[in-house]
Amino acid sequence: MKAADHLLQRWRIRKAARWIPNGARVLDVGCADGALFRQLQGRLGSGCVGIDHELPQRTEAYGAVLHPGIFPRDLPAGSGTFDVITMLAVLEHVPVDAQPALAKACFDYLQPGGRLIISVPSALVDPILDVLKAVRIIDGMELEEHYGFEVGSTPAIFEPAGLRLVQRRRFQLGLNNLYVFARP
């Protein structure tokens, strides 16, 4: 990842971090190299887990266990429930037909009162990222997987699974969106 990729990633994590209580047990879906755990190291509880389909093997880093694979299919049995689930810059990669199962799994893996924190880019982002990638300012992680996700559909994915929207905010000059859902 280039410096600009890291900057954008850290910005997303800072926005999400405001909604993560100290001592929380966190599941980070699409954890990459564990950047969220690195940035929040010392603030989170024990038993944190990350999962990412690009991880080559299971590893421990920054107080969390990182697993290769796709959530929820490859989350190890016995992982338990979490206070917080994060999916930062992930939802726009999830095929439409897989979204209902993803939403249900988020509900199932959250503790009552737990939070699901999602960031998803606005539609204008893809052409901007294409240009930034072409001029080699960013690596543009997995841009080819973006399929024109409709940001406004986010509540319609997670509310039928029983999650309640508690916050929606735009950030990064309006080019990114933060959604926070709670499990009642």
Foldseek 3Di string as FASTA:
>chain_A
DAPVVVVVVVVLLVVVVVVAAFQWAEEEEQCVVVVSLVVCQPRYHALHEYEHQPDPAWDDDSRYIYGHDHPPVPDDPPSAATQEYEYEQHPQLDDPVCLLVRLLSNLVRHDAFHKYKYKHFDQVVLVVVVVCVVVPVDVCPPSVSGDRDHVVCVCVSNVVSQWAWDDWDADPVRGMIMTMTGRD
